[in-house]
């Protein structure tokens, strides 16, 4: 039983920050003033974040929770849900950037 808090801490560290900064709706207006180069850089950064989060989610999904760890399976599921929400937020952000690039960089 003493190892369960350590397991939860390990899951938290594997998933990244405990809170999501800027997890609100995407503000498309901030992309309207960017140059094409800046938009391309933003798309690249967002793509890297999506990939890194998906890889992390895969690692968590493949983690084998010991039977003696109470709540371990629930912790894994919560981390997966959090990472899925982050991926969806990043995809929405990337869509807004791509729309701005289509408008400004024909």
PDB file of N, CA and C in Angstrom:
ATOM      1  N   UNK A   1       0.810  -1.192   0.000  1.00  0.00           N
ATOM      2  CA  UNK A   1       0.000   0.000   0.000  1.00  0.00           C
ATOM      3  C   UNK A   1       0.858   1.263   0.000  1.00  0.00           C
ATOM      4  N   UNK A   2       2.041   1.174   0.545  1.00  0.00           N
ATOM      5  CA  UNK A   2       2.897   2.343   0.662  1.00  0.00           C
ATOM      6  C   UNK A   2       3.392   2.807  -0.706  1.00  0.00           C
ATOM      7  N   UNK A   3       3.438   1.940  -1.691  1.00  0.00           N
ATOM      8  CA  UNK A   3       3.960   2.300  -3.004  1.00  0.00           C
ATOM      9  C   UNK A   3       2.917   2.983  -3.885  1.00  0.00           C
ATOM     10  N   UNK A   4       1.661   2.912  -3.536  1.00  0.00           N
ATOM     11  CA  UNK A   4       0.611   3.507  -4.363  1.00  0.00           C
ATOM     12  C   UNK A   4       0.801   5.010  -4.561  1.00  0.00           C
ATOM     13  N   UNK A   5       1.141   5.796  -3.533  1.00  0.00           N
ATOM     14  CA  UNK A   5       1.373   7.226  -3.792  1.00  0.00           C
ATOM     15  C   UNK A   5       2.522   7.451  -4.773  1.00  0.00           C
ATOM     16  N   UNK A   6       3.548   6.633  -4.696  1.00  0.00           N
ATOM     17  CA  UNK A   6       4.656   6.751  -5.639  1.00  0.00           C
ATOM     18  C   UNK A   6       4.220   6.439  -7.055  1.00  0.00           C
ATOM     19  N   UNK A   7       3.320   5.475  -7.199  1.00  0.00           N
ATOM     20  CA  UNK A   7       2.807   5.115  -8.515  1.00  0.00           C
ATOM     21  C   UNK A   7       1.995   6.265  -9.108  1.00  0.00           C
ATOM     22  N   UNK A   8       1.170   6.879  -8.284  1.00  0.00           N
ATOM     23  CA  UNK A   8       0.377   8.016  -8.751  1.00  0.00           C
ATOM     24  C   UNK A   8       1.298   9.170  -9.141  1.00  0.00           C
ATOM     25  N   UNK A   9       2.335   9.406  -8.345  1.00  0.00           N
ATOM     26  CA  UNK A   9       3.299  10.454  -8.667  1.00  0.00           C
ATOM     27  C   UNK A   9       3.997  10.149  -9.994  1.00  0.00           C
ATOM     28  N   UNK A  10       4.356   8.901 -10.200  1.00  0.00           N
ATOM     29  CA  UNK A  10       5.008   8.512 -11.454  1.00  0.00           C
ATOM     30  C   UNK A  10       4.085   8.759 -12.644  1.00  0.00           C
ATOM     31  N   UNK A  11       2.805   8.424 -12.500  1.00  0.00           N
ATOM     32  CA  UNK A  11       1.849   8.666 -13.577  1.00  0.00           C
ATOM     33  C   UNK A  11       1.722  10.160 -13.863  1.00  0.00           C
ATOM     34  N   UNK A  12       1.696  10.960 -12.807  1.00  0.00           N
ATOM     35  CA  UNK A  12       1.580  12.401 -12.986  1.00  0.00           C
ATOM     36  C   UNK A  12       2.783  12.950 -13.727  1.00  0.00           C
ATOM     37  N   UNK A  13       3.964  12.482 -13.360  1.00  0.00           N
ATOM     38  CA  UNK A  13       5.173  12.950 -14.028  1.00  0.00           C
ATOM     39  C   UNK A  13       5.224  12.491 -15.477  1.00  0.00           C
ATOM     40  N   UNK A  14       4.725  11.285 -15.746  1.00  0.00           N
ATOM     41  CA  UNK A  14       4.721  10.770 -17.114  1.00  0.00           C
ATOM     42  C   UNK A  14       3.769  11.564 -18.001  1.00  0.00           C
ATOM     43  N   UNK A  15       2.719  12.099 -17.419  1.00  0.00           N
ATOM     44  CA  UNK A  15       1.716  12.784 -18.221  1.00  0.00           C
ATOM     45  C   UNK A  15       2.026  14.252 -18.444  1.00  0.00           C
ATOM     46  N   UNK A  16       3.022  14.780 -17.787  1.00  0.00           N
ATOM     47  CA  UNK A  16       3.346  16.196 -17.944  1.00  0.00           C
ATOM     48  C   UNK A  16       2.778  16.988 -16.796  1.00  0.00           C
ATOM     49  N   UNK A  17       2.485  18.222 -17.040  1.00  0.00           N
ATOM     50  CA  UNK A  17       1.978  19.103 -15.990  1.00  0.00           C
ATOM     51  C   UNK A  17       0.613  18.629 -15.515  1.00  0.00           C
ATOM     52  N   UNK A  18       0.311  18.953 -14.276  1.00  0.00           N
ATOM     53  CA  UNK A  18      -0.963  18.540 -13.705  1.00  0.00           C
ATOM     54  C   UNK A  18      -2.112  19.387 -14.229  1.00  0.00           C
ATOM     55  N   UNK A  19      -1.825  20.598 -14.644  1.00  0.00           N
ATOM     56  CA  UNK A  19      -2.874  21.458 -15.177  1.00  0.00           C
ATOM     57  C   UNK A  19      -2.513  21.867 -16.586  1.00  0.00           C
ATOM     58  N   UNK A  20      -3.522  22.177 -17.334  1.00  0.00           N
ATOM     59  CA  UNK A  20      -3.301  22.611 -18.707  1.00  0.00           C
ATOM     60  C   UNK A  20      -3.411  24.124 -18.761  1.00  0.00           C
ATOM     61  N   UNK A  21      -2.338  24.764 -19.145  1.00  0.00           N
ATOM     62  CA  UNK A  21      -2.341  26.211 -19.279  1.00  0.00           C
ATOM     63  C   UNK A  21      -2.888  26.551 -20.652  1.00  0.00           C
ATOM     64  N   UNK A  22      -3.795  27.500 -20.687  1.00  0.00           N
ATOM     65  CA  UNK A  22      -4.343  27.921 -21.972  1.00  0.00           C
ATOM     66  C   UNK A  22      -5.227  26.875 -22.609  1.00  0.00           C
ATOM     67  N   UNK A  23      -5.999  26.162 -21.807  1.00  0.00           N
ATOM     68  CA  UNK A  23      -6.816  25.093 -22.360  1.00  0.00           C
ATOM     69  C   UNK A  23      -8.185  25.575 -22.818  1.00  0.00           C
ATOM     70  N   UNK A  24      -8.377  26.899 -22.885  1.00  0.00           N
ATOM     71  CA  UNK A  24      -9.641  27.449 -23.333  1.00  0.00           C
ATOM     72  C   UNK A  24      -9.780  27.355 -24.840  1.00  0.00           C
ATOM     73  N   UNK A  25     -10.803  28.022 -25.379  1.00  0.00           N
ATOM     74  CA  UNK A  25     -11.015  27.979 -26.824  1.00  0.00           C
ATOM     75  C   UNK A  25      -9.869  28.654 -27.573  1.00  0.00           C
ATOM     76  N   UNK A  26      -9.691  28.251 -28.808  1.00  0.00           N
ATOM     77  CA  UNK A  26      -8.612  28.773 -29.642  1.00  0.00           C
ATOM     78  C   UNK A  26      -8.996  30.170 -30.125  1.00  0.00           C
ATOM     79  N   UNK A  27      -8.084  31.119 -29.994  1.00  0.00           N
ATOM     80  CA  UNK A  27      -8.304  32.489 -30.448  1.00  0.00           C
ATOM     81  C   UNK A  27      -7.684  32.645 -31.831  1.00  0.00           C
ATOM     82  N   UNK A  28      -8.512  32.522 -32.856  1.00  0.00           N
ATOM     83  CA  UNK A  28      -8.025  32.570 -34.235  1.00  0.00           C
ATOM     84  C   UNK A  28      -7.533  33.953 -34.626  1.00  0.00           C
ATOM     85  N   UNK A  29      -7.970  34.990 -33.927  1.00  0.00           N
ATOM     86  CA  UNK A  29      -7.576  36.349 -34.302  1.00  0.00           C
ATOM     87  C   UNK A  29      -6.088  36.597 -34.096  1.00  0.00           C
ATOM     88  N   UNK A  30      -5.472  35.889 -33.177  1.00  0.00           N
ATOM     89  CA  UNK A  30      -4.040  36.120 -32.951  1.00  0.00           C
ATOM     90  C   UNK A  30      -3.193  35.610 -34.117  1.00  0.00           C
ATOM     91  N   UNK A  31      -3.735  34.714 -34.921  1.00  0.00           N
ATOM     92  CA  UNK A  31      -2.998  34.193 -36.067  1.00  0.00           C
ATOM     93  C   UNK A  31      -3.150  35.081 -37.300  1.00  0.00           C
ATOM     94  N   UNK A  32      -4.143  35.956 -37.315  1.00  0.00           N
ATOM     95  CA  UNK A  32      -4.403  36.798 -38.483  1.00  0.00           C
ATOM     96  C   UNK A  32      -3.261  37.772 -38.760  1.00  0.00           C
ATOM     97  N   UNK A  33      -2.581  38.223 -37.722  1.00  0.00           N
ATOM     98  CA  UNK A  33      -1.511  39.211 -37.887  1.00  0.00           C
ATOM     99  C   UNK A  33      -0.140  38.580 -38.124  1.00  0.00           C
ATOM    100  N   UNK A  34      -0.058  37.266 -38.100  1.00  0.00           N
ATOM    101  CA  UNK A  34       1.238  36.598 -38.262  1.00  0.00           C
ATOM    102  C   UNK A  34       1.635  36.518 -39.729  1.00  0.00           C
ATOM    103  N   UNK A  35       2.942  36.495 -39.960  1.00  0.00           N
ATOM    104  CA  UNK A  35       3.459  36.309 -41.317  1.00  0.00           C
ATOM    105  C   UNK A  35       3.378  34.825 -41.678  1.00  0.00           C
ATOM    106  N   UNK A  36       3.588  34.531 -42.942  1.00  0.00           N
ATOM    107  CA  UNK A  36       3.550  33.135 -43.400  1.00  0.00           C
ATOM    108  C   UNK A  36       4.623  32.301 -42.706  1.00  0.00           C
ATOM    109  N   UNK A  37       5.792  32.870 -42.521  1.00  0.00           N
ATOM    110  CA  UNK A  37       6.875  32.151 -41.846  1.00  0.00           C
ATOM    111  C   UNK A  37       6.502  31.840 -40.402  1.00  0.00           C
ATOM    112  N   UNK A  38       5.902  32.813 -39.723  1.00  0.00           N
ATOM    113  CA  UNK A  38       5.479  32.589 -38.336  1.00  0.00           C
ATOM    114  C   UNK A  38       4.388  31.523 -38.263  1.00  0.00           C
ATOM    115  N   UNK A  39       3.459  31.557 -39.206  1.00  0.00           N
ATOM    116  CA  UNK A  39       2.399  30.547 -39.230  1.00  0.00           C
ATOM    117  C   UNK A  39       2.976  29.156 -39.469  1.00  0.00           C
ATOM    118  N   UNK A  40       3.931  29.054 -40.384  1.00  0.00           N
ATOM    119  CA  UNK A  40       4.569  27.759 -40.645  1.00  0.00           C
ATOM    120  C   UNK A  40       5.296  27.253 -39.402  1.00  0.00           C
ATOM    121  N   UNK A  41       5.960  28.157 -38.701  1.00  0.00           N
ATOM    122  CA  UNK A  41       6.657  27.780 -37.470  1.00  0.00           C
ATOM    123  C   UNK A  41       5.666  27.307 -36.413  1.00  0.00           C
ATOM    124  N   UNK A  42       4.543  27.999 -36.298  1.00  0.00           N
ATOM    125  CA  UNK A  42       3.506  27.604 -35.334  1.00  0.00           C
ATOM    126  C   UNK A  42       2.940  26.224 -35.671  1.00  0.00           C
ATOM    127  N   UNK A  43       2.716  25.964 -36.955  1.00  0.00           N
ATOM    128  CA  UNK A  43       2.203  24.650 -37.366  1.00  0.00           C
ATOM    129  C   UNK A  43       3.206  23.561 -36.999  1.00  0.00           C
ATOM    130  N   UNK A  44       4.485  23.825 -37.243  1.00  0.00           N
ATOM    131  CA  UNK A  44       5.514  22.848 -36.890  1.00  0.00           C
ATOM    132  C   UNK A  44       5.564  22.575 -35.398  1.00  0.00           C
ATOM    133  N   UNK A  45       5.490  23.635 -34.598  1.00  0.00           N
ATOM    134  CA  UNK A  45       5.513  23.468 -33.143  1.00  0.00           C
ATOM    135  C   UNK A  45       4.294  22.718 -32.633  1.00  0.00           C
ATOM    136  N   UNK A  46       3.139  23.039 -33.199  1.00  0.00           N
ATOM    137  CA  UNK A  46       1.909  22.352 -32.800  1.00  0.00           C
ATOM    138  C   UNK A  46       1.964  20.879 -33.190  1.00  0.00           C
ATOM    139  N   UNK A  47       2.491  20.596 -34.364  1.00  0.00           N
ATOM    140  CA  UNK A  47       2.620  19.201 -34.810  1.00  0.00           C
ATOM    141  C   UNK A  47       3.536  18.412 -33.884  1.00  0.00           C
ATOM    142  N   UNK A  48       4.635  19.023 -33.475  1.00  0.00           N
ATOM    143  CA  UNK A  48       5.549  18.355 -32.545  1.00  0.00           C
ATOM    144  C   UNK A  48       4.863  18.083 -31.211  1.00  0.00           C
ATOM    145  N   UNK A  49       4.084  19.044 -30.730  1.00  0.00           N
ATOM    146  CA  UNK A  49       3.377  18.854 -29.462  1.00  0.00           C
ATOM    147  C   UNK A  49       2.350  17.733 -29.562  1.00  0.00           C
ATOM    148  N   UNK A  50       1.641  17.681 -30.685  1.00  0.00           N
ATOM    149  CA  UNK A  50       0.656  16.612 -30.887  1.00  0.00           C
ATOM    150  C   UNK A  50       1.356  15.259 -30.887  1.00  0.00           C
ATOM    151  N   UNK A  51       2.458  15.152 -31.609  1.00  0.00           N
ATOM    152  CA  UNK A  51       3.192  13.884 -31.680  1.00  0.00           C
ATOM    153  C   UNK A  51       3.724  13.467 -30.318  1.00  0.00           C
ATOM    154  N   UNK A  52       4.317  14.405 -29.590  1.00  0.00           N
ATOM    155  CA  UNK A  52       4.876  14.088 -28.273  1.00  0.00           C
ATOM    156  C   UNK A  52       3.787  13.637 -27.306  1.00  0.00           C
ATOM    157  N   UNK A  53       2.644  14.306 -27.345  1.00  0.00           N
ATOM    158  CA  UNK A  53       1.544  13.932 -26.457  1.00  0.00           C
ATOM    159  C   UNK A  53       0.981  12.566 -26.839  1.00  0.00           C
ATOM    160  N   UNK A  54       0.873  12.288 -28.131  1.00  0.00           N
ATOM    161  CA  UNK A  54       0.371  10.983 -28.577  1.00  0.00           C
ATOM    162  C   UNK A  54       1.327   9.866 -28.174  1.00  0.00           C
ATOM    163  N   UNK A  55       2.625  10.113 -28.279  1.00  0.00           N
ATOM    164  CA  UNK A  55       3.607   9.106 -27.860  1.00  0.00           C
ATOM    165  C   UNK A  55       3.500   8.862 -26.364  1.00  0.00           C
ATOM    166  N   UNK A  56       3.379   9.931 -25.599  1.00  0.00           N
ATOM    167  CA  UNK A  56       3.243   9.799 -24.148  1.00  0.00           C
ATOM    168  C   UNK A  56       1.973   9.033 -23.786  1.00  0.00           C
ATOM    169  N   UNK A  57       0.875   9.346 -24.491  1.00  0.00           N
ATOM    170  CA  UNK A  57      -0.386   8.642 -24.235  1.00  0.00           C
ATOM    171  C   UNK A  57      -0.242   7.158 -24.554  1.00  0.00           C
ATOM    172  N   UNK A  58       0.486   6.834 -25.613  1.00  0.00           N
ATOM    173  CA  UNK A  58       0.721   5.430 -25.956  1.00  0.00           C
ATOM    174  C   UNK A  58       1.524   4.707 -24.896  1.00  0.00           C
ATOM    175  N   UNK A  59       2.523   5.383 -24.358  1.00  0.00           N
ATOM    176  CA  UNK A  59       3.323   4.771 -23.292  1.00  0.00           C
ATOM    177  C   UNK A  59       2.473   4.505 -22.061  1.00  0.00           C
ATOM    178  N   UNK A  60       1.623   5.465 -21.716  1.00  0.00           N
ATOM    179  CA  UNK A  60       0.747   5.287 -20.561  1.00  0.00           C
ATOM    180  C   UNK A  60      -0.233   4.151 -20.827  1.00  0.00           C
ATOM    181  N   UNK A  61      -0.762   4.074 -22.045  1.00  0.00           N
ATOM    182  CA  UNK A  61      -1.716   3.014 -22.390  1.00  0.00           C
ATOM    183  C   UNK A  61      -1.090   1.634 -22.282  1.00  0.00           C
ATOM    184  N   UNK A  62       0.187   1.537 -22.609  1.00  0.00           N
ATOM    185  CA  UNK A  62       0.873   0.247 -22.569  1.00  0.00           C
ATOM    186  C   UNK A  62       1.438  -0.093 -21.200  1.00  0.00           C
ATOM    187  N   UNK A  63       1.305   0.816 -20.241  1.00  0.00           N
ATOM    188  CA  UNK A  63       1.834   0.576 -18.907  1.00  0.00           C
ATOM    189  C   UNK A  63       1.002  -0.497 -18.214  1.00  0.00           C
ATOM    190  N   UNK A  64       1.672  -1.475 -17.680  1.00  0.00           N
ATOM    191  CA  UNK A  64       0.992  -2.561 -16.979  1.00  0.00           C
ATOM    192  C   UNK A  64       0.890  -2.209 -15.496  1.00  0.00           C
ATOM    193  N   UNK A  65      -0.321  -1.967 -15.050  1.00  0.00           N
ATOM    194  CA  UNK A  65      -0.549  -1.585 -13.658  1.00  0.00           C
ATOM    195  C   UNK A  65      -0.571  -2.840 -12.803  1.00  0.00           C
ATOM    196  N   UNK A  66       0.244  -2.882 -11.741  1.00  0.00           N
ATOM    197  CA  UNK A  66       0.240  -4.042 -10.857  1.00  0.00           C
ATOM    198  C   UNK A  66      -1.112  -4.194 -10.155  1.00  0.00           C
ATOM    199  N   UNK A  67      -1.487  -5.421  -9.899  1.00  0.00           N
ATOM    200  CA  UNK A  67      -2.772  -5.698  -9.258  1.00  0.00           C
ATOM    201  C   UNK A  67      -2.837  -5.128  -7.846  1.00  0.00           C
ATOM    202  N   UNK A  68      -1.684  -5.003  -7.186  1.00  0.00           N
ATOM    203  CA  UNK A  68      -1.680  -4.517  -5.811  1.00  0.00           C
ATOM    204  C   UNK A  68      -1.809  -2.996  -5.725  1.00  0.00           C
ATOM    205  N   UNK A  69      -1.768  -2.298  -6.839  1.00  0.00           N
ATOM    206  CA  UNK A  69      -1.844  -0.830  -6.827  1.00  0.00           C
ATOM    207  C   UNK A  69      -3.305  -0.390  -6.872  1.00  0.00           C
ATOM    208  N   UNK A  70      -3.854   0.010  -5.732  1.00  0.00           N
ATOM    209  CA  UNK A  70      -5.257   0.429  -5.723  1.00  0.00           C
ATOM    210  C   UNK A  70      -5.437   1.723  -6.514  1.00  0.00           C
ATOM    211  N   UNK A  71      -6.374   1.720  -7.408  1.00  0.00           N
ATOM    212  CA  UNK A  71      -6.648   2.905  -8.207  1.00  0.00           C
ATOM    213  C   UNK A  71      -5.686   3.120  -9.354  1.00  0.00           C
ATOM    214  N   UNK A  72      -4.776   2.206  -9.571  1.00  0.00           N
ATOM    215  CA  UNK A  72      -3.784   2.366 -10.634  1.00  0.00           C
ATOM    216  C   UNK A  72      -4.409   2.406 -12.012  1.00  0.00           C
ATOM    217  N   UNK A  73      -5.360   1.521 -12.262  1.00  0.00           N
ATOM    218  CA  UNK A  73      -6.020   1.492 -13.571  1.00  0.00           C
ATOM    219  C   UNK A  73      -6.817   2.778 -13.795  1.00  0.00           C
ATOM    220  N   UNK A  74      -7.420   3.278 -12.743  1.00  0.00           N
ATOM    221  CA  UNK A  74      -8.181   4.533 -12.840  1.00  0.00           C
ATOM    222  C   UNK A  74      -7.236   5.704 -13.137  1.00  0.00           C
ATOM    223  N   UNK A  75      -6.073   5.704 -12.503  1.00  0.00           N
ATOM    224  CA  UNK A  75      -5.089   6.763 -12.749  1.00  0.00           C
ATOM    225  C   UNK A  75      -4.629   6.741 -14.203  1.00  0.00           C
ATOM    226  N   UNK A  76      -4.395   5.556 -14.738  1.00  0.00           N
ATOM    227  CA  UNK A  76      -3.986   5.432 -16.139  1.00  0.00           C
ATOM    228  C   UNK A  76      -5.082   5.984 -17.042  1.00  0.00           C
ATOM    229  N   UNK A  77      -6.319   5.650 -16.757  1.00  0.00           N
ATOM    230  CA  UNK A  77      -7.432   6.117 -17.579  1.00  0.00           C
ATOM    231  C   UNK A  77      -7.568   7.638 -17.520  1.00  0.00           C
ATOM    232  N   UNK A  78      -7.399   8.217 -16.345  1.00  0.00           N
ATOM    233  CA  UNK A  78      -7.481   9.673 -16.214  1.00  0.00           C
ATOM    234  C   UNK A  78      -6.368  10.371 -16.995  1.00  0.00           C
ATOM    235  N   UNK A  79      -5.181   9.816 -16.949  1.00  0.00           N
ATOM    236  CA  UNK A  79      -4.059  10.395 -17.690  1.00  0.00           C
ATOM    237  C   UNK A  79      -4.320  10.311 -19.192  1.00  0.00           C
ATOM    238  N   UNK A  80      -4.837   9.171 -19.647  1.00  0.00           N
ATOM    239  CA  UNK A  80      -5.148   9.017 -21.072  1.00  0.00           C
ATOM    240  C   UNK A  80      -6.211  10.027 -21.506  1.00  0.00           C
ATOM    241  N   UNK A  81      -7.232  10.225 -20.676  1.00  0.00           N
ATOM    242  CA  UNK A  81      -8.280  11.188 -21.004  1.00  0.00           C
ATOM    243  C   UNK A  81      -7.722  12.607 -21.077  1.00  0.00           C
ATOM    244  N   UNK A  82      -6.848  12.947 -20.141  1.00  0.00           N
ATOM    245  CA  UNK A  82      -6.236  14.277 -20.123  1.00  0.00           C
ATOM    246  C   UNK A  82      -5.397  14.500 -21.377  1.00  0.00           C
ATOM    247  N   UNK A  83      -4.633  13.491 -21.753  1.00  0.00           N
ATOM    248  CA  UNK A  83      -3.782  13.629 -22.929  1.00  0.00           C
ATOM    249  C   UNK A  83      -4.607  13.672 -24.208  1.00  0.00           C
ATOM    250  N   UNK A  84      -5.697  12.931 -24.253  1.00  0.00           N
ATOM    251  CA  UNK A  84      -6.588  12.981 -25.411  1.00  0.00           C
ATOM    252  C   UNK A  84      -7.195  14.374 -25.547  1.00  0.00           C
ATOM    253  N   UNK A  85      -7.610  14.963 -24.429  1.00  0.00           N
ATOM    254  CA  UNK A  85      -8.161  16.322 -24.463  1.00  0.00           C
ATOM    255  C   UNK A  85      -7.110  17.322 -24.935  1.00  0.00           C
ATOM    256  N   UNK A  86      -5.874  17.144 -24.512  1.00  0.00           N
ATOM    257  CA  UNK A  86      -4.796  18.046 -24.942  1.00  0.00           C
ATOM    258  C   UNK A  86      -4.557  17.904 -26.444  1.00  0.00           C
ATOM    259  N   UNK A  87      -4.572  16.672 -26.946  1.00  0.00           N
ATOM    260  CA  UNK A  87      -4.390  16.454 -28.386  1.00  0.00           C
ATOM    261  C   UNK A  87      -5.516  17.125 -29.168  1.00  0.00           C
ATOM    262  N   UNK A  88      -6.749  16.992 -28.695  1.00  0.00           N
ATOM    263  CA  UNK A  88      -7.882  17.615 -29.380  1.00  0.00           C
ATOM    264  C   UNK A  88      -7.755  19.134 -29.378  1.00  0.00           C
ATOM    265  N   UNK A  89      -7.293  19.717 -28.268  1.00  0.00           N
ATOM    266  CA  UNK A  89      -7.098  21.160 -28.186  1.00  0.00           C
ATOM    267  C   UNK A  89      -6.009  21.610 -29.163  1.00  0.00           C
ATOM    268  N   UNK A  90      -4.919  20.849 -29.224  1.00  0.00           N
ATOM    269  CA  UNK A  90      -3.833  21.181 -30.148  1.00  0.00           C
ATOM    270  C   UNK A  90      -4.274  21.052 -31.604  1.00  0.00           C
ATOM    271  N   UNK A  91      -5.107  20.055 -31.895  1.00  0.00           N
ATOM    272  CA  UNK A  91      -5.610  19.894 -33.262  1.00  0.00           C
ATOM    273  C   UNK A  91      -6.513  21.058 -33.653  1.00  0.00           C
ATOM    274  N   UNK A  92      -7.323  21.543 -32.703  1.00  0.00           N
ATOM    275  CA  UNK A  92      -8.165  22.709 -32.983  1.00  0.00           C
ATOM    276  C   UNK A  92      -7.299  23.941 -33.229  1.00  0.00           C
ATOM    277  N   UNK A  93      -6.245  24.077 -32.440  1.00  0.00           N
ATOM    278  CA  UNK A  93      -5.316  25.190 -32.624  1.00  0.00           C
ATOM    279  C   UNK A  93      -4.644  25.097 -33.994  1.00  0.00           C
ATOM    280  N   UNK A  94      -4.240  23.905 -34.366  1.00  0.00           N
ATOM    281  CA  UNK A  94      -3.584  23.720 -35.659  1.00  0.00           C
ATOM    282  C   UNK A  94      -4.548  24.019 -36.809  1.00  0.00           C
ATOM    283  N   UNK A  95      -5.800  23.658 -36.659  1.00  0.00           N
ATOM    284  CA  UNK A  95      -6.795  23.964 -37.696  1.00  0.00           C
ATOM    285  C   UNK A  95      -6.955  25.470 -37.870  1.00  0.00           C
ATOM    286  N   UNK A  96      -6.958  26.200 -36.755  1.00  0.00           N
ATOM    287  CA  UNK A  96      -7.066  27.661 -36.826  1.00  0.00           C
ATOM    288  C   UNK A  96      -5.842  28.262 -37.512  1.00  0.00           C
ATOM    289  N   UNK A  97      -4.672  27.723 -37.226  1.00  0.00           N
ATOM    290  CA  UNK A  97      -3.446  28.215 -37.860  1.00  0.00           C
ATOM    291  C   UNK A  97      -3.478  27.922 -39.359  1.00  0.00           C
ATOM    292  N   UNK A  98      -3.906  26.718 -39.719  1.00  0.00           N
ATOM    293  CA  UNK A  98      -3.974  26.352 -41.138  1.00  0.00           C
ATOM    294  C   UNK A  98      -4.970  27.229 -41.890  1.00  0.00           C
ATOM    295  N   UNK A  99      -6.098  27.556 -41.249  1.00  0.00           N
ATOM    296  CA  UNK A  99      -7.082  28.432 -41.891  1.00  0.00           C
ATOM    297  C   UNK A  99      -6.492  29.822 -42.114  1.00  0.00           C
ATOM    298  N   UNK A 100      -5.761  30.329 -41.135  1.00  0.00           N
ATOM    299  CA  UNK A 100      -5.114  31.639 -41.290  1.00  0.00           C
ATOM    300  C   UNK A 100      -4.063  31.588 -42.389  1.00  0.00           C
ATOM    301  N   UNK A 101      -3.353  30.491 -42.484  1.00  0.00           N
ATOM    302  CA  UNK A 101      -2.328  30.356 -43.530  1.00  0.00           C
ATOM    303  C   UNK A 101      -2.974  30.304 -44.919  1.00  0.00           C
ATOM    304  N   UNK A 102      -4.106  29.607 -45.031  1.00  0.00           N
ATOM    305  CA  UNK A 102      -4.812  29.558 -46.322  1.00  0.00           C
ATOM    306  C   UNK A 102      -5.292  30.956 -46.740  1.00  0.00           C
ATOM    307  N   UNK A 103      -5.758  31.746 -45.769  1.00  0.00           N
ATOM    308  CA  UNK A 103      -6.239  33.100 -46.068  1.00  0.00           C
ATOM    309  C   UNK A 103      -5.095  34.046 -46.434  1.00  0.00           C
ATOM    310  N   UNK A 104      -4.003  33.979 -45.696  1.00  0.00           N
ATOM    311  CA  UNK A 104      -2.935  34.977 -45.822  1.00  0.00           C
ATOM    312  C   UNK A 104      -1.809  34.580 -46.767  1.00  0.00           C
ATOM    313  N   UNK A 105      -1.621  33.313 -47.000  1.00  0.00           N
ATOM    314  CA  UNK A 105      -0.429  32.850 -47.724  1.00  0.00           C
ATOM    315  C   UNK A 105      -0.803  32.073 -48.980  1.00  0.00           C
ATOM    316  N   UNK A 106      -1.568  32.661 -49.835  1.00  0.00           N
ATOM    317  CA  UNK A 106      -2.008  31.970 -51.051  1.00  0.00           C
ATOM    318  C   UNK A 106      -0.897  31.852 -52.051  1.00  0.00           C
TER     319      UNK A 106
END
